[in-house]
N, C-alpha and C. Protein backbone atom coordinates (compact mmCIF):
# COMPACT_ATOMS: atom_id res chain seq x y z
N MET A 1 -18.90 117.12 -119.34
CA MET A 1 -17.71 117.94 -119.28
C MET A 1 -18.12 119.33 -118.79
N ARG A 2 -17.37 119.83 -117.82
CA ARG A 2 -17.65 121.16 -117.28
C ARG A 2 -16.91 122.20 -118.10
N THR A 3 -17.58 123.30 -118.37
CA THR A 3 -16.96 124.41 -119.08
C THR A 3 -16.26 125.30 -118.06
N GLU A 4 -14.99 125.57 -118.29
CA GLU A 4 -14.26 126.47 -117.41
C GLU A 4 -14.58 127.90 -117.81
N ILE A 5 -14.97 128.69 -116.83
CA ILE A 5 -15.27 130.10 -117.07
C ILE A 5 -14.37 130.91 -116.16
N PRO A 6 -13.37 131.58 -116.71
CA PRO A 6 -12.47 132.35 -115.85
C PRO A 6 -13.19 133.55 -115.24
N LEU A 7 -12.82 133.87 -114.02
CA LEU A 7 -13.40 135.00 -113.32
C LEU A 7 -12.25 135.93 -112.97
N ASP A 8 -12.25 137.10 -113.56
CA ASP A 8 -11.22 138.09 -113.31
C ASP A 8 -11.84 139.19 -112.45
N VAL A 9 -11.34 139.32 -111.23
CA VAL A 9 -11.88 140.29 -110.29
C VAL A 9 -10.82 141.35 -110.04
N ALA A 10 -11.17 142.60 -110.31
CA ALA A 10 -10.20 143.68 -110.17
C ALA A 10 -9.83 143.90 -108.70
N ASP A 11 -10.78 143.82 -107.79
CA ASP A 11 -10.52 144.07 -106.38
C ASP A 11 -11.16 142.95 -105.56
N ILE A 12 -10.34 142.03 -105.09
CA ILE A 12 -10.87 140.88 -104.35
C ILE A 12 -11.50 141.31 -103.03
N GLY A 13 -11.03 142.41 -102.44
CA GLY A 13 -11.61 142.91 -101.20
C GLY A 13 -13.05 143.35 -101.38
N ARG A 14 -13.30 144.13 -102.42
CA ARG A 14 -14.66 144.59 -102.71
C ARG A 14 -15.55 143.39 -103.08
N PHE A 15 -14.98 142.45 -103.83
CA PHE A 15 -15.70 141.24 -104.20
C PHE A 15 -16.10 140.45 -102.95
N ALA A 16 -15.16 140.28 -102.01
CA ALA A 16 -15.44 139.55 -100.77
C ALA A 16 -16.54 140.23 -99.97
N LYS A 17 -16.49 141.57 -99.88
CA LYS A 17 -17.52 142.30 -99.13
C LYS A 17 -18.89 142.12 -99.78
N SER A 18 -18.93 142.21 -101.09
CA SER A 18 -20.20 142.04 -101.79
C SER A 18 -20.74 140.63 -101.61
N LEU A 19 -19.88 139.64 -101.75
CA LEU A 19 -20.29 138.25 -101.60
C LEU A 19 -20.78 137.98 -100.17
N ARG A 20 -20.05 138.49 -99.20
CA ARG A 20 -20.44 138.31 -97.80
C ARG A 20 -21.83 138.88 -97.55
N GLY A 21 -22.12 140.04 -98.14
CA GLY A 21 -23.43 140.65 -97.98
C GLY A 21 -24.53 139.86 -98.65
N GLN A 22 -24.21 139.22 -99.76
CA GLN A 22 -25.22 138.47 -100.51
C GLN A 22 -25.54 137.11 -99.90
N ILE A 23 -24.58 136.52 -99.21
CA ILE A 23 -24.86 135.20 -98.63
C ILE A 23 -25.23 135.29 -97.15
N GLU A 24 -25.31 136.49 -96.64
CA GLU A 24 -25.76 136.72 -95.28
C GLU A 24 -25.02 135.84 -94.27
N THR A 25 -23.73 136.05 -94.18
CA THR A 25 -22.91 135.31 -93.24
C THR A 25 -22.30 136.27 -92.23
N ASP A 26 -21.94 135.75 -91.10
CA ASP A 26 -21.28 136.59 -90.11
C ASP A 26 -19.76 136.41 -90.16
N ALA A 27 -19.27 135.78 -91.22
CA ALA A 27 -17.83 135.60 -91.38
C ALA A 27 -17.16 136.96 -91.53
N SER A 28 -15.96 137.07 -90.99
CA SER A 28 -15.22 138.33 -91.09
C SER A 28 -14.72 138.54 -92.51
N HIS A 29 -14.32 139.75 -92.77
CA HIS A 29 -13.78 140.08 -94.09
C HIS A 29 -12.56 139.21 -94.40
N GLN A 30 -11.66 139.06 -93.41
CA GLN A 30 -10.46 138.25 -93.62
C GLN A 30 -10.82 136.79 -93.87
N THR A 31 -11.81 136.28 -93.18
CA THR A 31 -12.26 134.90 -93.39
C THR A 31 -12.77 134.73 -94.82
N MET A 32 -13.52 135.70 -95.31
CA MET A 32 -14.02 135.65 -96.70
C MET A 32 -12.86 135.69 -97.69
N LEU A 33 -11.88 136.56 -97.45
CA LEU A 33 -10.72 136.64 -98.34
C LEU A 33 -9.99 135.29 -98.38
N ASN A 34 -9.78 134.69 -97.22
CA ASN A 34 -9.11 133.40 -97.17
C ASN A 34 -9.92 132.32 -97.87
N ALA A 35 -11.24 132.33 -97.69
CA ALA A 35 -12.10 131.33 -98.34
C ALA A 35 -12.04 131.47 -99.86
N LEU A 36 -12.07 132.70 -100.35
CA LEU A 36 -11.98 132.92 -101.80
C LEU A 36 -10.63 132.46 -102.34
N ALA A 37 -9.57 132.79 -101.62
CA ALA A 37 -8.23 132.38 -102.07
C ALA A 37 -8.10 130.86 -102.08
N ARG A 38 -8.59 130.20 -101.02
CA ARG A 38 -8.53 128.73 -100.98
C ARG A 38 -9.36 128.11 -102.10
N ALA A 39 -10.50 128.69 -102.39
CA ALA A 39 -11.35 128.16 -103.47
C ALA A 39 -10.65 128.27 -104.82
N ALA A 40 -9.74 129.23 -104.94
CA ALA A 40 -8.99 129.40 -106.19
C ALA A 40 -7.70 128.59 -106.19
N GLY A 41 -7.44 127.83 -105.12
CA GLY A 41 -6.28 126.95 -105.10
C GLY A 41 -5.08 127.47 -104.33
N TRP A 42 -5.20 128.60 -103.66
CA TRP A 42 -4.11 129.17 -102.86
C TRP A 42 -4.25 128.70 -101.42
N ARG A 43 -3.15 128.78 -100.65
CA ARG A 43 -3.21 128.38 -99.23
C ARG A 43 -4.10 129.31 -98.43
N ASN A 44 -3.98 130.61 -98.68
CA ASN A 44 -4.78 131.62 -97.99
C ASN A 44 -4.64 132.94 -98.77
N TYR A 45 -5.26 133.98 -98.27
CA TYR A 45 -5.23 135.26 -98.97
C TYR A 45 -3.81 135.82 -99.06
N GLN A 46 -3.02 135.66 -98.00
CA GLN A 46 -1.65 136.18 -98.03
C GLN A 46 -0.83 135.48 -99.11
N HIS A 47 -1.04 134.20 -99.28
CA HIS A 47 -0.34 133.44 -100.32
C HIS A 47 -0.72 133.97 -101.71
N LEU A 48 -2.01 134.19 -101.92
CA LEU A 48 -2.50 134.74 -103.18
C LEU A 48 -1.90 136.13 -103.43
N ARG A 49 -1.95 136.96 -102.42
CA ARG A 49 -1.45 138.33 -102.55
C ARG A 49 0.04 138.35 -102.85
N ALA A 50 0.81 137.54 -102.13
CA ALA A 50 2.26 137.50 -102.35
C ALA A 50 2.60 137.04 -103.76
N ALA A 51 1.80 136.13 -104.29
CA ALA A 51 2.06 135.62 -105.64
C ALA A 51 1.78 136.68 -106.70
N HIS A 52 0.88 137.61 -106.41
CA HIS A 52 0.48 138.59 -107.41
C HIS A 52 1.15 139.95 -107.26
N GLU A 53 1.73 140.23 -106.13
CA GLU A 53 2.39 141.52 -105.94
C GLU A 53 3.69 141.55 -106.73
N GLY A 54 3.81 142.53 -107.53
CA GLY A 54 5.04 142.69 -108.31
C GLY A 54 5.23 141.65 -109.39
N ALA A 55 4.24 140.82 -109.62
CA ALA A 55 4.37 139.79 -110.65
C ALA A 55 4.23 140.42 -112.03
N ALA A 56 5.10 140.00 -112.91
CA ALA A 56 5.03 140.49 -114.29
C ALA A 56 3.86 139.81 -114.99
N PRO A 57 3.27 140.46 -115.97
CA PRO A 57 2.19 139.81 -116.71
C PRO A 57 2.69 138.52 -117.36
N GLU A 58 1.81 137.54 -117.39
CA GLU A 58 2.17 136.25 -117.96
C GLU A 58 2.36 136.37 -119.47
N PRO A 59 3.43 135.77 -120.01
CA PRO A 59 3.63 135.84 -121.46
C PRO A 59 2.51 135.10 -122.20
N PRO A 60 2.25 135.49 -123.44
CA PRO A 60 1.19 134.81 -124.21
C PRO A 60 1.57 133.37 -124.52
N ALA A 61 0.59 132.59 -124.90
CA ALA A 61 0.81 131.19 -125.24
C ALA A 61 1.73 131.06 -126.45
N ASP A 62 2.59 130.06 -126.41
CA ASP A 62 3.46 129.72 -127.53
C ASP A 62 2.66 128.78 -128.44
N LEU A 63 1.98 129.37 -129.42
CA LEU A 63 1.07 128.58 -130.26
C LEU A 63 1.81 127.56 -131.12
N ARG A 64 3.05 127.83 -131.43
CA ARG A 64 3.83 126.86 -132.20
C ARG A 64 4.07 125.60 -131.36
N ALA A 65 4.41 125.78 -130.09
CA ALA A 65 4.61 124.64 -129.19
C ALA A 65 3.29 123.90 -128.97
N VAL A 66 2.20 124.64 -128.86
CA VAL A 66 0.88 124.02 -128.67
C VAL A 66 0.56 123.15 -129.88
N THR A 67 0.78 123.65 -131.06
CA THR A 67 0.50 122.89 -132.29
C THR A 67 1.35 121.62 -132.35
N ARG A 68 2.64 121.77 -132.02
CA ARG A 68 3.53 120.60 -132.07
C ARG A 68 3.15 119.57 -131.02
N ALA A 69 2.80 120.01 -129.82
CA ALA A 69 2.41 119.08 -128.76
C ALA A 69 1.05 118.45 -129.06
N ALA A 70 0.12 119.23 -129.58
CA ALA A 70 -1.22 118.72 -129.89
C ALA A 70 -1.16 117.62 -130.94
N ALA A 71 -0.15 117.65 -131.79
CA ALA A 71 0.01 116.61 -132.80
C ALA A 71 0.31 115.25 -132.17
N ARG A 72 0.70 115.23 -130.90
CA ARG A 72 0.98 113.98 -130.18
C ARG A 72 -0.26 113.38 -129.54
N PHE A 73 -1.44 113.94 -129.83
CA PHE A 73 -2.69 113.44 -129.30
C PHE A 73 -3.61 113.10 -130.46
N ASP A 74 -4.33 111.98 -130.34
CA ASP A 74 -5.21 111.56 -131.43
C ASP A 74 -6.55 112.31 -131.38
N ALA A 75 -7.46 111.93 -132.28
CA ALA A 75 -8.75 112.62 -132.40
C ALA A 75 -9.59 112.50 -131.13
N ASP A 76 -9.32 111.48 -130.31
CA ASP A 76 -10.05 111.30 -129.05
C ASP A 76 -9.33 111.95 -127.87
N GLY A 77 -8.23 112.66 -128.15
CA GLY A 77 -7.50 113.35 -127.08
C GLY A 77 -6.57 112.44 -126.30
N ARG A 78 -6.23 111.27 -126.88
CA ARG A 78 -5.32 110.35 -126.20
C ARG A 78 -3.89 110.58 -126.66
N PHE A 79 -2.97 110.52 -125.72
CA PHE A 79 -1.54 110.71 -125.97
C PHE A 79 -1.03 109.55 -126.81
N THR A 80 -0.33 109.85 -127.92
CA THR A 80 0.09 108.79 -128.84
C THR A 80 1.56 108.43 -128.76
N GLY A 81 2.39 109.26 -128.13
CA GLY A 81 3.80 108.92 -128.03
C GLY A 81 4.66 110.09 -127.59
N TRP A 82 5.79 109.75 -127.00
CA TRP A 82 6.70 110.75 -126.45
C TRP A 82 7.44 111.51 -127.53
N PRO A 83 7.43 112.84 -127.48
CA PRO A 83 8.31 113.62 -128.35
C PRO A 83 9.75 113.48 -127.88
N VAL A 84 10.68 113.70 -128.76
CA VAL A 84 12.09 113.59 -128.40
C VAL A 84 12.52 114.79 -127.57
N LYS A 85 12.06 115.97 -127.94
CA LYS A 85 12.47 117.19 -127.26
C LYS A 85 11.85 117.26 -125.86
N ARG A 86 12.68 117.47 -124.85
CA ARG A 86 12.23 117.45 -123.46
C ARG A 86 11.15 118.50 -123.17
N SER A 87 11.31 119.71 -123.67
CA SER A 87 10.32 120.76 -123.38
C SER A 87 8.95 120.39 -123.95
N LEU A 88 8.94 119.76 -125.11
CA LEU A 88 7.69 119.32 -125.71
C LEU A 88 7.10 118.14 -124.94
N ARG A 89 7.98 117.25 -124.48
CA ARG A 89 7.56 116.09 -123.69
C ARG A 89 6.89 116.55 -122.40
N THR A 90 7.48 117.53 -121.75
CA THR A 90 6.92 118.07 -120.51
C THR A 90 5.58 118.74 -120.77
N LEU A 91 5.48 119.48 -121.86
CA LEU A 91 4.22 120.14 -122.21
C LEU A 91 3.11 119.11 -122.44
N CYS A 92 3.45 117.98 -123.02
CA CYS A 92 2.45 116.94 -123.30
C CYS A 92 1.88 116.30 -122.03
N LEU A 93 2.53 116.47 -120.91
CA LEU A 93 2.01 115.91 -119.65
C LEU A 93 0.78 116.65 -119.15
N TRP A 94 0.66 117.93 -119.51
CA TRP A 94 -0.41 118.76 -118.95
C TRP A 94 -1.82 118.30 -119.30
N PRO A 95 -2.14 117.91 -120.54
CA PRO A 95 -3.50 117.42 -120.80
C PRO A 95 -3.80 116.11 -120.06
N ILE A 96 -2.78 115.31 -119.83
CA ILE A 96 -2.98 114.08 -119.06
C ILE A 96 -3.25 114.46 -117.60
N TRP A 97 -2.42 115.35 -117.06
CA TRP A 97 -2.59 115.84 -115.68
C TRP A 97 -3.99 116.41 -115.47
N ALA A 98 -4.46 117.21 -116.44
CA ALA A 98 -5.75 117.89 -116.29
C ALA A 98 -6.92 116.91 -116.19
N ARG A 99 -6.76 115.72 -116.73
CA ARG A 99 -7.86 114.75 -116.72
C ARG A 99 -7.71 113.67 -115.66
N LEU A 100 -6.65 113.74 -114.85
CA LEU A 100 -6.50 112.77 -113.76
C LEU A 100 -7.40 113.16 -112.60
N PRO A 101 -7.92 112.17 -111.86
CA PRO A 101 -8.76 112.50 -110.70
C PRO A 101 -7.95 113.16 -109.60
N GLN A 102 -8.62 113.99 -108.80
CA GLN A 102 -7.96 114.73 -107.71
C GLN A 102 -7.58 113.82 -106.55
N GLY A 103 -8.44 112.89 -106.23
CA GLY A 103 -8.29 112.10 -105.02
C GLY A 103 -7.11 111.16 -105.04
N PRO A 104 -6.85 110.55 -103.91
CA PRO A 104 -5.72 109.62 -103.84
C PRO A 104 -6.00 108.36 -104.65
N LEU A 105 -4.97 107.89 -105.33
CA LEU A 105 -5.05 106.64 -106.09
C LEU A 105 -3.83 105.80 -105.75
N ASP A 106 -4.00 104.48 -105.75
CA ASP A 106 -2.83 103.63 -105.58
C ASP A 106 -2.15 103.50 -106.95
N GLU A 107 -1.03 102.80 -107.00
CA GLU A 107 -0.27 102.69 -108.24
C GLU A 107 -1.10 102.07 -109.36
N ARG A 108 -1.86 101.06 -109.04
CA ARG A 108 -2.70 100.41 -110.06
C ARG A 108 -3.77 101.37 -110.58
N GLY A 109 -4.37 102.15 -109.68
CA GLY A 109 -5.41 103.10 -110.06
C GLY A 109 -4.88 104.22 -110.94
N ILE A 110 -3.73 104.78 -110.59
CA ILE A 110 -3.16 105.87 -111.38
C ILE A 110 -2.72 105.34 -112.75
N SER A 111 -2.17 104.11 -112.77
CA SER A 111 -1.76 103.51 -114.04
C SER A 111 -2.96 103.29 -114.95
N ALA A 112 -4.06 102.82 -114.39
CA ALA A 112 -5.28 102.60 -115.19
C ALA A 112 -5.79 103.93 -115.74
N ALA A 113 -5.77 104.97 -114.91
CA ALA A 113 -6.23 106.29 -115.37
C ALA A 113 -5.34 106.80 -116.50
N ILE A 114 -4.05 106.63 -116.37
CA ILE A 114 -3.11 107.08 -117.40
C ILE A 114 -3.29 106.26 -118.68
N HIS A 115 -3.43 104.95 -118.55
CA HIS A 115 -3.61 104.11 -119.74
C HIS A 115 -4.86 104.47 -120.52
N ASP A 116 -5.91 104.91 -119.82
CA ASP A 116 -7.13 105.34 -120.50
C ASP A 116 -6.91 106.59 -121.34
N LEU A 117 -5.87 107.36 -121.02
CA LEU A 117 -5.60 108.62 -121.70
C LEU A 117 -4.50 108.50 -122.75
N CYS A 118 -4.02 107.28 -122.97
CA CYS A 118 -2.90 107.06 -123.91
C CYS A 118 -3.24 105.92 -124.89
N THR A 119 -2.55 105.93 -126.02
CA THR A 119 -2.71 104.84 -126.98
C THR A 119 -1.59 103.81 -126.83
N PHE A 120 -0.67 104.04 -125.93
CA PHE A 120 0.44 103.12 -125.69
C PHE A 120 0.52 102.88 -124.18
N ARG A 121 1.25 101.86 -123.78
CA ARG A 121 1.28 101.49 -122.37
C ARG A 121 2.65 101.86 -121.78
N ASP A 122 2.72 103.04 -121.20
CA ASP A 122 3.92 103.48 -120.49
C ASP A 122 3.53 104.31 -119.28
N ALA A 123 2.60 103.78 -118.48
CA ALA A 123 2.14 104.52 -117.31
C ALA A 123 3.29 104.80 -116.35
N ALA A 124 4.21 103.86 -116.21
CA ALA A 124 5.33 104.06 -115.28
C ALA A 124 6.17 105.26 -115.72
N GLY A 125 6.45 105.35 -117.00
CA GLY A 125 7.23 106.48 -117.51
C GLY A 125 6.50 107.81 -117.34
N ILE A 126 5.22 107.80 -117.61
CA ILE A 126 4.44 109.03 -117.47
C ILE A 126 4.34 109.41 -115.99
N ARG A 127 4.12 108.43 -115.12
CA ARG A 127 4.07 108.71 -113.68
C ARG A 127 5.39 109.33 -113.21
N ARG A 128 6.50 108.73 -113.60
CA ARG A 128 7.82 109.25 -113.20
C ARG A 128 8.01 110.69 -113.66
N GLU A 129 7.67 110.95 -114.92
CA GLU A 129 7.82 112.31 -115.46
C GLU A 129 6.93 113.30 -114.70
N MET A 130 5.70 112.88 -114.40
CA MET A 130 4.77 113.78 -113.71
C MET A 130 5.23 114.05 -112.27
N VAL A 131 5.76 113.04 -111.60
CA VAL A 131 6.29 113.26 -110.25
C VAL A 131 7.50 114.18 -110.34
N GLY A 132 8.37 113.94 -111.31
CA GLY A 132 9.57 114.77 -111.48
C GLY A 132 9.25 116.22 -111.82
N GLU A 133 8.15 116.45 -112.52
CA GLU A 133 7.76 117.81 -112.90
C GLU A 133 6.87 118.47 -111.86
N GLY A 134 6.57 117.76 -110.77
CA GLY A 134 5.75 118.34 -109.71
C GLY A 134 4.27 118.38 -110.03
N LEU A 135 3.82 117.50 -110.93
CA LEU A 135 2.40 117.42 -111.26
C LEU A 135 1.68 116.39 -110.40
N LEU A 136 2.42 115.41 -109.92
CA LEU A 136 1.90 114.37 -109.03
C LEU A 136 2.82 114.25 -107.83
N THR A 137 2.25 113.79 -106.74
CA THR A 137 3.04 113.43 -105.58
C THR A 137 2.73 111.98 -105.26
N ARG A 138 3.69 111.31 -104.62
CA ARG A 138 3.49 109.91 -104.30
C ARG A 138 4.18 109.56 -103.00
N ASN A 139 3.67 108.52 -102.34
CA ASN A 139 4.36 107.95 -101.18
C ASN A 139 5.54 107.14 -101.70
N ARG A 140 6.50 106.91 -100.85
CA ARG A 140 7.67 106.12 -101.25
C ARG A 140 7.28 104.73 -101.74
N ASP A 141 6.27 104.14 -101.12
CA ASP A 141 5.87 102.77 -101.50
C ASP A 141 4.89 102.74 -102.67
N GLY A 142 4.51 103.90 -103.21
CA GLY A 142 3.60 103.95 -104.35
C GLY A 142 2.16 103.69 -104.00
N SER A 143 1.83 103.72 -102.72
CA SER A 143 0.46 103.40 -102.31
C SER A 143 -0.49 104.60 -102.42
N ASP A 144 0.04 105.80 -102.64
CA ASP A 144 -0.81 106.98 -102.64
C ASP A 144 -0.27 108.00 -103.64
N TYR A 145 -0.95 108.12 -104.77
CA TYR A 145 -0.62 109.14 -105.77
C TYR A 145 -1.69 110.21 -105.72
N ARG A 146 -1.29 111.45 -105.79
CA ARG A 146 -2.24 112.57 -105.81
C ARG A 146 -1.81 113.58 -106.85
N ARG A 147 -2.79 114.09 -107.56
CA ARG A 147 -2.55 115.17 -108.51
C ARG A 147 -2.36 116.45 -107.71
N LEU A 148 -1.26 117.15 -107.96
CA LEU A 148 -1.01 118.41 -107.27
C LEU A 148 -1.74 119.53 -107.99
N ASN A 149 -2.30 120.44 -107.22
CA ASN A 149 -2.96 121.60 -107.82
C ASN A 149 -1.88 122.58 -108.26
N ARG A 150 -1.79 122.75 -109.53
CA ARG A 150 -0.83 123.68 -110.13
C ARG A 150 -1.60 124.61 -111.05
N ALA A 151 -1.06 125.76 -111.28
CA ALA A 151 -1.68 126.70 -112.20
C ALA A 151 -0.90 126.62 -113.52
N PRO A 152 -1.48 126.00 -114.54
CA PRO A 152 -0.79 125.94 -115.82
C PRO A 152 -0.59 127.33 -116.41
N ASP A 153 0.50 127.50 -117.14
CA ASP A 153 0.73 128.79 -117.79
C ASP A 153 -0.13 128.87 -119.06
N GLN A 154 -0.02 129.97 -119.78
CA GLN A 154 -0.86 130.20 -120.97
C GLN A 154 -0.70 129.08 -122.01
N THR A 155 0.54 128.67 -122.27
CA THR A 155 0.79 127.63 -123.27
C THR A 155 0.20 126.30 -122.82
N GLN A 156 0.40 125.97 -121.57
CA GLN A 156 -0.13 124.71 -121.04
C GLN A 156 -1.66 124.72 -121.06
N ARG A 157 -2.27 125.84 -120.70
CA ARG A 157 -3.74 125.94 -120.74
C ARG A 157 -4.25 125.80 -122.17
N ALA A 158 -3.56 126.43 -123.12
CA ALA A 158 -3.98 126.34 -124.52
C ALA A 158 -3.93 124.90 -125.01
N LEU A 159 -2.89 124.16 -124.63
CA LEU A 159 -2.79 122.76 -125.03
C LEU A 159 -3.88 121.92 -124.36
N ILE A 160 -4.13 122.15 -123.09
CA ILE A 160 -5.18 121.42 -122.39
C ILE A 160 -6.52 121.63 -123.09
N ARG A 161 -6.83 122.89 -123.42
CA ARG A 161 -8.10 123.18 -124.11
C ARG A 161 -8.15 122.49 -125.48
N ALA A 162 -7.04 122.53 -126.21
CA ALA A 162 -7.01 121.92 -127.55
C ALA A 162 -7.22 120.41 -127.48
N VAL A 163 -6.58 119.76 -126.53
CA VAL A 163 -6.66 118.30 -126.45
C VAL A 163 -7.97 117.84 -125.84
N ILE A 164 -8.41 118.48 -124.77
CA ILE A 164 -9.65 118.05 -124.13
C ILE A 164 -10.83 118.30 -125.06
N GLY A 165 -10.75 119.31 -125.89
CA GLY A 165 -11.80 119.58 -126.86
C GLY A 165 -11.97 118.47 -127.88
N ARG A 166 -10.96 117.63 -128.04
CA ARG A 166 -11.03 116.52 -129.00
C ARG A 166 -11.70 115.28 -128.41
N GLY A 167 -11.67 115.21 -127.07
CA GLY A 167 -12.11 113.99 -126.38
C GLY A 167 -13.56 113.65 -126.64
N PRO A 168 -13.92 112.40 -126.24
CA PRO A 168 -15.30 111.93 -126.45
C PRO A 168 -16.29 112.66 -125.59
């Protein structure tokens, strides 16, 4: 299991210049900015910048929701059943999403991956919910499922950490 270590950089421009100097590349400053933004999951530097300009600080995690959602996962971090409340049900998708492979999977492959993360067999329902919430994308014929790169909010990240920490 890889440990996630957040990197908070006050000035990405200065960071890019320093990094460019350390790796001895002839890439332009803009190329370095775009590479850093893409490595963080953005389309390019302009996309990253637009997302952060004028953005309000993210609200803190809703620990009550995290506790309620975490109760739906067993000691091994497997999903045990759907909550009735929709907001809680949606929150419970995030630890499953976080452990799905990035690459393309067919319907059988994605179902097998989901079943490994659950104590019950409802891969079709979980797939539908994840596609509906924009966590997965699929071809019309179901031949290609892909996990979409999304940035979980504070509450979703807290639940992912709580559940993945339980896993084997």
